[in-house]
Amino acid sequence: MQLISIGVLGAYLGRVFTEASTARSTWSPNAWGSARTKRADERGGPLVTVGIPSFRSERFIAEAIASVLSQDVASLEVVVADDASDDRTVEIARGFDDPRVRVLTSETNLGAGRNWNRVLDEARGRYVKVMGHDDVLVPGSLAAQVAVLEAIPTS
């Protein structure tokens, strides 16, 4: 697998999209991609996981989730990781009657960094995109990002 700068890819496509690592502390570009692909294939996971870390996002979370579910990628999951919100975020996220949506909750506030890492730890897809709870995906953007990543030679 060829390493792509996340910044360059993000600037090119307008969003940050990358393969997630199963071992963040030590990795090489080839081992990182190979381990992630093997993990997704072994589990029969989706092609793409879109992770949405959230905290007090009741005003935005429904639109964010809906924008992911409307993407033209056949195999995807949405992982919403709520960080002990005291509003209706969890209720709204759980209101989506779609098996592709998983909602994780925390009893205590983990903080932004740990909550974002939780999304990566829970991802089952070959590719992982983490987006803000107040972001909306433009129609077709996920398919375009997958196409770019799939076009990269793996060795």
N, C-alpha and C. Protein backbone atom coordinates (compact mmCIF):
# COMPACT_ATOMS: atom_id res chain seq x y z
N MET A 1 0.84 -1.18 0.00
CA MET A 1 0.00 0.00 0.00
C MET A 1 0.88 1.23 0.00
N GLN A 2 0.51 2.18 -0.76
CA GLN A 2 1.23 3.44 -0.84
C GLN A 2 0.65 4.41 0.18
N LEU A 3 1.52 5.08 0.92
CA LEU A 3 1.06 6.02 1.93
C LEU A 3 0.64 7.33 1.27
N ILE A 4 -0.54 7.81 1.65
CA ILE A 4 -1.04 9.08 1.14
C ILE A 4 -1.10 10.06 2.29
N SER A 5 -0.68 11.27 2.05
CA SER A 5 -0.82 12.30 3.06
C SER A 5 -2.30 12.58 3.28
N ILE A 6 -2.74 12.46 4.52
CA ILE A 6 -4.15 12.72 4.83
C ILE A 6 -4.50 14.15 4.47
N GLY A 7 -3.58 15.07 4.71
CA GLY A 7 -3.83 16.48 4.40
C GLY A 7 -4.05 16.70 2.91
N VAL A 8 -3.22 16.06 2.09
CA VAL A 8 -3.35 16.21 0.64
C VAL A 8 -4.66 15.60 0.16
N LEU A 9 -4.96 14.39 0.65
CA LEU A 9 -6.21 13.75 0.26
C LEU A 9 -7.40 14.57 0.73
N GLY A 10 -7.32 15.06 1.97
CA GLY A 10 -8.41 15.88 2.50
C GLY A 10 -8.60 17.15 1.70
N ALA A 11 -7.49 17.79 1.35
CA ALA A 11 -7.60 19.02 0.56
C ALA A 11 -8.17 18.73 -0.82
N TYR A 12 -7.74 17.60 -1.42
CA TYR A 12 -8.22 17.25 -2.74
C TYR A 12 -9.71 16.93 -2.75
N LEU A 13 -10.16 16.20 -1.75
CA LEU A 13 -11.55 15.76 -1.73
C LEU A 13 -12.45 16.59 -0.84
N GLY A 14 -11.86 17.45 -0.04
CA GLY A 14 -12.68 18.29 0.83
C GLY A 14 -13.01 17.65 2.16
N ARG A 15 -12.53 16.46 2.40
CA ARG A 15 -12.77 15.76 3.68
C ARG A 15 -11.55 14.90 4.00
N VAL A 16 -11.35 14.64 5.24
CA VAL A 16 -10.28 13.72 5.64
C VAL A 16 -10.85 12.31 5.63
N PHE A 17 -10.15 11.41 4.96
CA PHE A 17 -10.61 10.03 4.84
C PHE A 17 -9.37 9.17 4.79
N THR A 18 -9.29 8.20 5.63
CA THR A 18 -8.09 7.39 5.68
C THR A 18 -8.40 5.99 6.18
N GLU A 19 -7.47 5.10 5.97
CA GLU A 19 -7.60 3.79 6.59
C GLU A 19 -7.23 3.93 8.06
N ALA A 20 -7.92 3.20 8.92
CA ALA A 20 -7.64 3.26 10.35
C ALA A 20 -6.60 2.21 10.72
N SER A 21 -5.88 2.50 11.74
CA SER A 21 -4.86 1.58 12.23
C SER A 21 -5.40 0.75 13.38
N THR A 22 -5.01 -0.52 13.43
CA THR A 22 -5.38 -1.34 14.57
C THR A 22 -4.34 -1.20 15.68
N ALA A 23 -3.16 -0.77 15.33
CA ALA A 23 -2.10 -0.53 16.33
C ALA A 23 -1.51 0.84 16.04
N ARG A 24 -1.98 1.84 16.74
CA ARG A 24 -1.58 3.21 16.44
C ARG A 24 -0.13 3.52 16.80
N SER A 25 0.44 2.81 17.77
CA SER A 25 1.75 3.19 18.27
C SER A 25 2.89 2.81 17.32
N THR A 26 2.83 1.66 16.68
CA THR A 26 3.89 1.25 15.77
C THR A 26 3.26 0.75 14.48
N TRP A 27 3.62 1.37 13.39
CA TRP A 27 3.08 0.94 12.13
C TRP A 27 3.98 1.37 11.00
N SER A 28 3.89 0.66 9.92
CA SER A 28 4.52 1.06 8.68
C SER A 28 3.39 1.16 7.67
N PRO A 29 3.57 1.91 6.59
CA PRO A 29 2.48 2.04 5.63
C PRO A 29 1.94 0.70 5.13
N ASN A 30 2.83 -0.25 4.84
CA ASN A 30 2.36 -1.54 4.33
C ASN A 30 1.67 -2.37 5.39
N ALA A 31 2.25 -2.47 6.58
CA ALA A 31 1.65 -3.27 7.65
C ALA A 31 0.33 -2.65 8.09
N TRP A 32 0.28 -1.34 8.13
CA TRP A 32 -0.93 -0.64 8.58
C TRP A 32 -2.10 -0.97 7.67
N GLY A 33 -1.93 -0.81 6.37
CA GLY A 33 -3.00 -1.09 5.42
C GLY A 33 -3.35 -2.57 5.37
N SER A 34 -2.33 -3.43 5.40
CA SER A 34 -2.58 -4.86 5.33
C SER A 34 -3.34 -5.36 6.55
N ALA A 35 -2.95 -4.90 7.73
CA ALA A 35 -3.64 -5.33 8.95
C ALA A 35 -5.08 -4.86 8.94
N ARG A 36 -5.32 -3.65 8.50
CA ARG A 36 -6.67 -3.10 8.49
C ARG A 36 -7.55 -3.84 7.50
N THR A 37 -7.02 -4.10 6.31
CA THR A 37 -7.78 -4.81 5.29
C THR A 37 -8.09 -6.23 5.75
N LYS A 38 -7.10 -6.91 6.34
CA LYS A 38 -7.32 -8.26 6.82
C LYS A 38 -8.39 -8.27 7.91
N ARG A 39 -8.32 -7.31 8.82
CA ARG A 39 -9.29 -7.24 9.91
C ARG A 39 -10.71 -7.07 9.36
N ALA A 40 -10.89 -6.18 8.41
CA ALA A 40 -12.22 -5.96 7.84
C ALA A 40 -12.70 -7.19 7.08
N ASP A 41 -11.81 -7.82 6.31
CA ASP A 41 -12.19 -8.99 5.54
C ASP A 41 -12.54 -10.17 6.43
N GLU A 42 -11.77 -10.37 7.53
CA GLU A 42 -12.03 -11.49 8.43
C GLU A 42 -13.39 -11.36 9.11
N ARG A 43 -13.77 -10.16 9.44
CA ARG A 43 -15.03 -9.95 10.13
C ARG A 43 -16.21 -9.88 9.17
N GLY A 44 -15.93 -9.82 7.90
CA GLY A 44 -17.01 -9.62 6.95
C GLY A 44 -17.61 -8.23 7.12
N GLY A 45 -16.78 -7.30 7.52
CA GLY A 45 -17.24 -5.94 7.81
C GLY A 45 -17.56 -5.16 6.56
N PRO A 46 -18.09 -3.98 6.75
CA PRO A 46 -18.43 -3.12 5.62
C PRO A 46 -17.17 -2.55 4.96
N LEU A 47 -17.34 -2.02 3.78
CA LEU A 47 -16.23 -1.37 3.10
C LEU A 47 -15.82 -0.10 3.86
N VAL A 48 -16.80 0.65 4.33
CA VAL A 48 -16.53 1.95 4.96
C VAL A 48 -17.24 2.05 6.31
N THR A 49 -16.51 2.54 7.29
CA THR A 49 -17.09 2.96 8.56
C THR A 49 -16.99 4.47 8.61
N VAL A 50 -18.10 5.13 8.89
CA VAL A 50 -18.07 6.57 9.14
C VAL A 50 -18.32 6.74 10.63
N GLY A 51 -17.31 7.27 11.30
CA GLY A 51 -17.41 7.49 12.73
C GLY A 51 -17.79 8.93 13.04
N ILE A 52 -18.71 9.08 13.98
CA ILE A 52 -19.16 10.42 14.37
C ILE A 52 -19.04 10.54 15.89
N PRO A 53 -17.91 11.06 16.39
CA PRO A 53 -17.82 11.33 17.82
C PRO A 53 -18.77 12.49 18.14
N SER A 54 -19.50 12.37 19.24
CA SER A 54 -20.47 13.43 19.51
C SER A 54 -20.47 13.82 20.99
N PHE A 55 -20.85 15.07 21.22
CA PHE A 55 -21.05 15.58 22.57
C PHE A 55 -21.99 16.77 22.46
N ARG A 56 -23.12 16.66 23.12
CA ARG A 56 -24.13 17.71 23.10
C ARG A 56 -24.43 18.17 21.66
N SER A 57 -24.79 17.22 20.84
CA SER A 57 -24.97 17.51 19.42
C SER A 57 -26.40 17.32 18.94
N GLU A 58 -27.38 17.46 19.83
CA GLU A 58 -28.77 17.22 19.45
C GLU A 58 -29.22 18.09 18.28
N ARG A 59 -28.64 19.26 18.11
CA ARG A 59 -29.04 20.16 17.02
C ARG A 59 -28.55 19.68 15.65
N PHE A 60 -27.50 18.85 15.64
CA PHE A 60 -26.84 18.52 14.37
C PHE A 60 -26.82 17.03 14.02
N ILE A 61 -26.92 16.16 15.00
CA ILE A 61 -26.61 14.74 14.78
C ILE A 61 -27.54 14.07 13.76
N ALA A 62 -28.80 14.42 13.74
CA ALA A 62 -29.72 13.78 12.78
C ALA A 62 -29.31 14.09 11.34
N GLU A 63 -28.98 15.33 11.08
CA GLU A 63 -28.57 15.69 9.71
C GLU A 63 -27.24 15.04 9.34
N ALA A 64 -26.32 14.95 10.29
CA ALA A 64 -25.03 14.31 10.02
C ALA A 64 -25.23 12.84 9.67
N ILE A 65 -26.00 12.12 10.48
CA ILE A 65 -26.25 10.70 10.22
C ILE A 65 -26.99 10.51 8.90
N ALA A 66 -28.01 11.30 8.66
CA ALA A 66 -28.78 11.18 7.42
C ALA A 66 -27.90 11.41 6.20
N SER A 67 -26.95 12.34 6.30
CA SER A 67 -26.08 12.60 5.14
C SER A 67 -25.17 11.41 4.85
N VAL A 68 -24.80 10.66 5.86
CA VAL A 68 -23.98 9.45 5.65
C VAL A 68 -24.84 8.34 5.06
N LEU A 69 -26.01 8.13 5.62
CA LEU A 69 -26.88 7.05 5.14
C LEU A 69 -27.35 7.26 3.71
N SER A 70 -27.35 8.49 3.25
CA SER A 70 -27.79 8.77 1.88
C SER A 70 -26.66 8.63 0.86
N GLN A 71 -25.46 8.29 1.29
CA GLN A 71 -24.34 8.13 0.38
C GLN A 71 -24.55 6.92 -0.52
N ASP A 72 -23.94 6.96 -1.69
CA ASP A 72 -24.10 5.87 -2.66
C ASP A 72 -22.99 4.82 -2.54
N VAL A 73 -22.67 4.45 -1.32
CA VAL A 73 -21.74 3.36 -1.03
C VAL A 73 -22.58 2.23 -0.46
N ALA A 74 -22.52 1.09 -1.13
CA ALA A 74 -23.42 -0.02 -0.76
C ALA A 74 -23.12 -0.59 0.62
N SER A 75 -21.86 -0.65 0.99
CA SER A 75 -21.48 -1.32 2.23
C SER A 75 -20.85 -0.32 3.19
N LEU A 76 -21.66 0.16 4.13
CA LEU A 76 -21.12 1.11 5.10
C LEU A 76 -21.79 0.94 6.45
N GLU A 77 -21.14 1.47 7.46
CA GLU A 77 -21.72 1.54 8.79
C GLU A 77 -21.45 2.93 9.35
N VAL A 78 -22.30 3.34 10.27
CA VAL A 78 -22.13 4.61 10.97
C VAL A 78 -21.98 4.28 12.45
N VAL A 79 -20.89 4.75 13.04
CA VAL A 79 -20.66 4.56 14.46
C VAL A 79 -20.72 5.93 15.13
N VAL A 80 -21.75 6.13 15.94
CA VAL A 80 -21.88 7.37 16.71
C VAL A 80 -21.40 7.06 18.11
N ALA A 81 -20.37 7.77 18.56
CA ALA A 81 -19.84 7.58 19.91
C ALA A 81 -20.15 8.83 20.71
N ASP A 82 -21.16 8.72 21.56
CA ASP A 82 -21.55 9.87 22.37
C ASP A 82 -20.75 9.91 23.66
N ASP A 83 -20.26 11.09 23.99
CA ASP A 83 -19.37 11.28 25.12
C ASP A 83 -20.12 11.84 26.33
N ALA A 84 -21.09 11.07 26.83
CA ALA A 84 -21.85 11.42 28.04
C ALA A 84 -22.61 12.74 27.90
N SER A 85 -23.25 12.92 26.77
CA SER A 85 -24.05 14.14 26.57
C SER A 85 -25.22 14.19 27.54
N ASP A 86 -25.59 15.40 27.92
CA ASP A 86 -26.73 15.58 28.81
C ASP A 86 -27.93 16.18 28.06
N ASP A 87 -27.94 15.97 26.75
CA ASP A 87 -29.05 16.43 25.92
C ASP A 87 -29.67 15.22 25.22
N ARG A 88 -30.38 15.42 24.13
CA ARG A 88 -31.09 14.34 23.43
C ARG A 88 -30.27 13.67 22.32
N THR A 89 -28.96 13.86 22.30
CA THR A 89 -28.12 13.31 21.24
C THR A 89 -28.33 11.81 21.06
N VAL A 90 -28.23 11.05 22.13
CA VAL A 90 -28.35 9.58 22.06
C VAL A 90 -29.74 9.18 21.58
N GLU A 91 -30.75 9.81 22.13
CA GLU A 91 -32.14 9.50 21.74
C GLU A 91 -32.35 9.73 20.24
N ILE A 92 -31.84 10.83 19.74
CA ILE A 92 -31.99 11.16 18.32
C ILE A 92 -31.23 10.15 17.45
N ALA A 93 -29.99 9.84 17.84
CA ALA A 93 -29.19 8.89 17.06
C ALA A 93 -29.82 7.50 17.06
N ARG A 94 -30.34 7.08 18.19
CA ARG A 94 -30.99 5.77 18.26
C ARG A 94 -32.33 5.75 17.53
N GLY A 95 -32.84 6.89 17.19
CA GLY A 95 -34.11 6.99 16.47
C GLY A 95 -34.01 6.56 15.01
N PHE A 96 -32.80 6.37 14.49
CA PHE A 96 -32.63 5.91 13.11
C PHE A 96 -32.87 4.40 13.09
N ASP A 97 -33.89 3.99 12.37
CA ASP A 97 -34.23 2.57 12.27
C ASP A 97 -33.46 1.98 11.10
N ASP A 98 -32.16 1.83 11.29
CA ASP A 98 -31.28 1.36 10.23
C ASP A 98 -30.18 0.52 10.87
N PRO A 99 -30.03 -0.73 10.46
CA PRO A 99 -29.03 -1.59 11.08
C PRO A 99 -27.59 -1.14 10.84
N ARG A 100 -27.40 -0.21 9.94
CA ARG A 100 -26.04 0.29 9.68
C ARG A 100 -25.58 1.29 10.73
N VAL A 101 -26.49 1.73 11.60
CA VAL A 101 -26.16 2.72 12.61
C VAL A 101 -25.95 2.04 13.96
N ARG A 102 -24.78 2.27 14.55
CA ARG A 102 -24.49 1.80 15.91
C ARG A 102 -24.25 3.02 16.78
N VAL A 103 -24.86 3.04 17.94
CA VAL A 103 -24.71 4.16 18.86
C VAL A 103 -24.04 3.67 20.13
N LEU A 104 -22.89 4.25 20.45
CA LEU A 104 -22.14 3.91 21.65
C LEU A 104 -22.31 5.05 22.64
N THR A 105 -22.44 4.72 23.91
CA THR A 105 -22.58 5.75 24.93
C THR A 105 -21.50 5.59 26.00
N SER A 106 -21.26 6.67 26.71
CA SER A 106 -20.31 6.67 27.83
C SER A 106 -21.04 7.11 29.08
N GLU A 107 -20.73 6.47 30.18
CA GLU A 107 -21.30 6.87 31.48
C GLU A 107 -20.67 8.17 31.96
N THR A 108 -19.36 8.31 31.69
CA THR A 108 -18.64 9.52 32.08
C THR A 108 -17.98 10.12 30.85
N ASN A 109 -17.68 11.39 30.93
CA ASN A 109 -17.07 12.09 29.81
C ASN A 109 -15.63 11.62 29.62
N LEU A 110 -15.32 11.13 28.43
CA LEU A 110 -13.98 10.64 28.11
C LEU A 110 -13.04 11.74 27.63
N GLY A 111 -13.60 12.80 27.11
CA GLY A 111 -12.81 13.84 26.47
C GLY A 111 -12.75 13.56 24.97
N ALA A 112 -12.51 14.61 24.22
CA ALA A 112 -12.56 14.50 22.76
C ALA A 112 -11.60 13.46 22.19
N GLY A 113 -10.36 13.46 22.61
CA GLY A 113 -9.37 12.54 22.04
C GLY A 113 -9.72 11.09 22.26
N ARG A 114 -10.09 10.74 23.48
CA ARG A 114 -10.45 9.34 23.78
C ARG A 114 -11.73 8.94 23.06
N ASN A 115 -12.67 9.87 22.91
CA ASN A 115 -13.90 9.54 22.21
C ASN A 115 -13.64 9.32 20.72
N TRP A 116 -12.77 10.12 20.11
CA TRP A 116 -12.41 9.92 18.70
C TRP A 116 -11.70 8.57 18.53
N ASN A 117 -10.79 8.25 19.45
CA ASN A 117 -10.11 6.95 19.37
C ASN A 117 -11.09 5.80 19.53
N ARG A 118 -12.11 5.99 20.33
CA ARG A 118 -13.13 4.96 20.51
C ARG A 118 -13.84 4.64 19.19
N VAL A 119 -14.11 5.67 18.41
CA VAL A 119 -14.71 5.47 17.09
C VAL A 119 -13.80 4.58 16.24
N LEU A 120 -12.50 4.86 16.25
CA LEU A 120 -11.55 4.05 15.47
C LEU A 120 -11.50 2.62 15.99
N ASP A 121 -11.50 2.45 17.31
CA ASP A 121 -11.46 1.11 17.89
C ASP A 121 -12.68 0.28 17.53
N GLU A 122 -13.82 0.92 17.40
CA GLU A 122 -15.08 0.22 17.12
C GLU A 122 -15.35 0.03 15.63
N ALA A 123 -14.57 0.67 14.79
CA ALA A 123 -14.80 0.60 13.34
C ALA A 123 -14.56 -0.82 12.82
N ARG A 124 -15.44 -1.27 11.95
CA ARG A 124 -15.31 -2.59 11.34
C ARG A 124 -15.01 -2.51 9.85
N GLY A 125 -15.03 -1.32 9.28
CA GLY A 125 -14.83 -1.16 7.85
C GLY A 125 -13.38 -1.23 7.43
N ARG A 126 -13.18 -1.49 6.16
CA ARG A 126 -11.83 -1.47 5.59
C ARG A 126 -11.28 -0.05 5.63
N TYR A 127 -12.13 0.91 5.32
CA TYR A 127 -11.77 2.32 5.38
C TYR A 127 -12.59 3.00 6.47
N VAL A 128 -12.00 4.00 7.08
CA VAL A 128 -12.68 4.72 8.15
C VAL A 128 -12.60 6.21 7.88
N LYS A 129 -13.73 6.83 8.00
CA LYS A 129 -13.82 8.29 7.89
C LYS A 129 -14.39 8.78 9.21
N VAL A 130 -13.71 9.72 9.83
CA VAL A 130 -14.22 10.32 11.06
C VAL A 130 -14.66 11.74 10.70
N MET A 131 -15.88 12.06 11.08
CA MET A 131 -16.40 13.39 10.78
C MET A 131 -16.99 14.01 12.03
N GLY A 132 -17.03 15.31 12.06
CA GLY A 132 -17.62 16.01 13.18
C GLY A 132 -19.12 15.81 13.25
N HIS A 133 -19.66 15.90 14.45
CA HIS A 133 -21.10 15.71 14.62
C HIS A 133 -21.92 16.81 13.97
N ASP A 134 -21.28 17.90 13.63
CA ASP A 134 -21.98 19.01 12.97
C ASP A 134 -21.61 19.12 11.50
N ASP A 135 -21.00 18.07 10.94
CA ASP A 135 -20.66 18.04 9.51
C ASP A 135 -21.75 17.33 8.72
N VAL A 136 -21.80 17.63 7.43
CA VAL A 136 -22.73 16.97 6.51
C VAL A 136 -21.93 16.55 5.28
N LEU A 137 -22.12 15.31 4.85
CA LEU A 137 -21.44 14.83 3.65
C LEU A 137 -22.21 15.26 2.41
N VAL A 138 -21.49 15.75 1.44
CA VAL A 138 -22.07 16.11 0.15
C VAL A 138 -22.41 14.82 -0.59
N PRO A 139 -23.56 14.75 -1.26
CA PRO A 139 -23.90 13.52 -2.00
C PRO A 139 -22.79 13.10 -2.96
N GLY A 140 -22.45 11.82 -2.91
CA GLY A 140 -21.42 11.27 -3.79
C GLY A 140 -20.00 11.41 -3.26
N SER A 141 -19.79 12.14 -2.17
CA SER A 141 -18.43 12.38 -1.69
C SER A 141 -17.77 11.11 -1.17
N LEU A 142 -18.50 10.26 -0.51
CA LEU A 142 -17.92 9.04 0.03
C LEU A 142 -17.49 8.08 -1.09
N ALA A 143 -18.31 7.94 -2.11
CA ALA A 143 -17.95 7.09 -3.25
C ALA A 143 -16.70 7.61 -3.96
N ALA A 144 -16.59 8.93 -4.07
CA ALA A 144 -15.40 9.52 -4.70
C ALA A 144 -14.15 9.25 -3.88
N GLN A 145 -14.26 9.34 -2.58
CA GLN A 145 -13.12 9.09 -1.71
C GLN A 145 -12.70 7.63 -1.76
N VAL A 146 -13.67 6.72 -1.74
CA VAL A 146 -13.36 5.30 -1.84
C VAL A 146 -12.68 5.01 -3.18
N ALA A 147 -13.16 5.60 -4.25
CA ALA A 147 -12.56 5.36 -5.57
C ALA A 147 -11.10 5.76 -5.60
N VAL A 148 -10.77 6.89 -4.98
CA VAL A 148 -9.38 7.33 -4.93
C VAL A 148 -8.54 6.32 -4.15
N LEU A 149 -9.02 5.90 -2.99
CA LEU A 149 -8.26 4.96 -2.18
C LEU A 149 -8.15 3.60 -2.84
N GLU A 150 -9.18 3.15 -3.51
CA GLU A 150 -9.14 1.86 -4.19
C GLU A 150 -8.19 1.87 -5.39
N ALA A 151 -7.92 3.04 -5.93
CA ALA A 151 -7.04 3.15 -7.10
C ALA A 151 -5.57 3.11 -6.72
N ILE A 152 -5.25 3.18 -5.43
CA ILE A 152 -3.86 3.17 -4.98
C ILE A 152 -3.32 1.75 -5.06
N PRO A 153 -2.19 1.57 -5.73
CA PRO A 153 -1.59 0.22 -5.79
C PRO A 153 -1.25 -0.25 -4.38
N THR A 154 -1.48 -1.54 -4.08
CA THR A 154 -1.21 -2.06 -2.76
C THR A 154 0.20 -2.62 -2.62
N SER A 155 0.93 -2.71 -3.64
CA SER A 155 2.35 -3.06 -3.61
C SER A 155 2.82 -3.28 -4.99
